[in-house]
Amino acid sequence: MLEWFAAFKRYRTPVLAVLATLMLVCSAVWSFDVPWREILGYLLMCVLGVLVIASAAAATVYLIKTLR
């Protein structure tokens, strides 16, 4: 029981963040009649944006470590 609680406590914040985001997306769809296709398009653009930023950060770290 104690191990389960420790694991739950460790992942509580990310899980709650994902659930809150899901609730906001669903409320946008149901309350404001935003089409699911448009929401998924925004999600795809956000994921691609994060991938570009992460790739640039990884390249920068590699370049700095190589130059040292």
C-alpha atoms as a PDB file:
ATOM      1  CA  MET A   1       0.000   0.000   0.000  1.00  0.00           C
ATOM      2  CA  LEU A   2       2.828   2.393   0.846  1.00  0.00           C
ATOM      3  CA  GLU A   3       4.558   1.753  -2.495  1.00  0.00           C
ATOM      4  CA  TRP A   4       1.350   2.519  -4.388  1.00  0.00           C
ATOM      5  CA  PHE A   5       0.919   5.787  -2.499  1.00  0.00           C
ATOM      6  CA  ALA A   6       4.518   6.815  -3.244  1.00  0.00           C
ATOM      7  CA  ALA A   7       4.031   6.073  -6.945  1.00  0.00           C
ATOM      8  CA  PHE A   8       0.718   7.957  -6.953  1.00  0.00           C
ATOM      9  CA  LYS A   9       2.283  10.941  -5.244  1.00  0.00           C
ATOM     10  CA  ARG A  10       5.124  10.999  -7.782  1.00  0.00           C
ATOM     11  CA  TYR A  11       2.844  11.053 -10.831  1.00  0.00           C
ATOM     12  CA  ARG A  12      -0.044  13.044  -9.349  1.00  0.00           C
ATOM     13  CA  THR A  13       0.873  16.426 -10.853  1.00  0.00           C
ATOM     14  CA  PRO A  14       1.418  15.265 -14.459  1.00  0.00           C
ATOM     15  CA  VAL A  15      -1.738  13.146 -14.384  1.00  0.00           C
ATOM     16  CA  LEU A  16      -3.803  16.021 -13.011  1.00  0.00           C
ATOM     17  CA  ALA A  17      -2.345  18.373 -15.639  1.00  0.00           C
ATOM     18  CA  VAL A  18      -3.341  16.007 -18.456  1.00  0.00           C
ATOM     19  CA  LEU A  19      -6.833  15.557 -16.993  1.00  0.00           C
ATOM     20  CA  ALA A  20      -7.293  19.318 -16.623  1.00  0.00           C
ATOM     21  CA  THR A  21      -6.208  19.873 -20.225  1.00  0.00           C
ATOM     22  CA  LEU A  22      -8.588  17.181 -21.413  1.00  0.00           C
ATOM     23  CA  MET A  23     -11.438  18.796 -19.481  1.00  0.00           C
ATOM     24  CA  LEU A  24     -10.680  22.204 -21.023  1.00  0.00           C
ATOM     25  CA  VAL A  25     -10.604  20.744 -24.527  1.00  0.00           C
ATOM     26  CA  CYS A  26     -13.889  18.917 -23.971  1.00  0.00           C
ATOM     27  CA  SER A  27     -15.513  22.045 -22.581  1.00  0.00           C
ATOM     28  CA  ALA A  28     -14.352  23.992 -25.664  1.00  0.00           C
ATOM     29  CA  VAL A  29     -15.920  21.380 -27.907  1.00  0.00           C
ATOM     30  CA  TRP A  30     -19.174  21.022 -25.989  1.00  0.00           C
ATOM     31  CA  SER A  31     -19.713  24.582 -24.736  1.00  0.00           C
ATOM     32  CA  PHE A  32     -18.486  26.621 -27.691  1.00  0.00           C
ATOM     33  CA  ASP A  33     -19.140  24.112 -30.496  1.00  0.00           C
ATOM     34  CA  VAL A  34     -15.525  24.020 -31.658  1.00  0.00           C
ATOM     35  CA  PRO A  35     -15.128  21.097 -34.079  1.00  0.00           C
ATOM     36  CA  TRP A  36     -13.000  18.156 -32.948  1.00  0.00           C
ATOM     37  CA  ARG A  37     -11.057  18.340 -36.220  1.00  0.00           C
ATOM     38  CA  GLU A  38      -9.975  21.905 -35.425  1.00  0.00           C
ATOM     39  CA  ILE A  39      -8.953  20.934 -31.876  1.00  0.00           C
ATOM     40  CA  LEU A  40      -6.892  18.025 -33.215  1.00  0.00           C
ATOM     41  CA  GLY A  41      -5.242  20.372 -35.715  1.00  0.00           C
ATOM     42  CA  TYR A  42      -4.213  22.685 -32.878  1.00  0.00           C
ATOM     43  CA  LEU A  43      -2.931  19.705 -30.901  1.00  0.00           C
ATOM     44  CA  LEU A  44      -0.838  18.547 -33.843  1.00  0.00           C
ATOM     45  CA  MET A  45       0.630  22.032 -34.284  1.00  0.00           C
ATOM     46  CA  CYS A  46       1.484  22.199 -30.560  1.00  0.00           C
ATOM     47  CA  VAL A  47       3.197  18.804 -30.655  1.00  0.00           C
ATOM     48  CA  LEU A  48       5.188  19.799 -33.737  1.00  0.00           C
ATOM     49  CA  GLY A  49       6.162  23.088 -32.088  1.00  0.00           C
ATOM     50  CA  VAL A  50       7.413  21.277 -28.989  1.00  0.00           C
ATOM     51  CA  LEU A  51       9.376  18.854 -31.178  1.00  0.00           C
ATOM     52  CA  VAL A  52      11.040  21.752 -33.006  1.00  0.00           C
ATOM     53  CA  ILE A  53      11.981  23.438 -29.720  1.00  0.00           C
ATOM     54  CA  ALA A  54      13.267  20.174 -28.224  1.00  0.00           C
ATOM     55  CA  SER A  55      15.308  19.449 -31.359  1.00  0.00           C
ATOM     56  CA  ALA A  56      16.840  22.927 -31.297  1.00  0.00           C
ATOM     57  CA  ALA A  57      17.685  22.515 -27.612  1.00  0.00           C
ATOM     58  CA  ALA A  58      19.268  19.113 -28.211  1.00  0.00           C
ATOM     59  CA  ALA A  59      21.316  20.487 -31.113  1.00  0.00           C
ATOM     60  CA  THR A  60      22.473  23.402 -28.973  1.00  0.00           C
ATOM     61  CA  VAL A  61      23.527  21.105 -26.138  1.00  0.00           C
ATOM     62  CA  TYR A  62      25.385  18.860 -28.578  1.00  0.00           C
ATOM     63  CA  LEU A  63      27.130  21.843 -30.152  1.00  0.00           C
ATOM     64  CA  ILE A  64      28.191  23.282 -26.799  1.00  0.00           C
ATOM     65  CA  LYS A  65      29.492  19.912 -25.565  1.00  0.00           C
ATOM     66  CA  THR A  66      31.359  19.367 -28.822  1.00  0.00           C
ATOM     67  CA  LEU A  67      33.040  22.781 -28.699  1.00  0.00           C
ATOM     68  CA  ARG A  68      34.255  22.245 -25.146  1.00  0.00           C
END
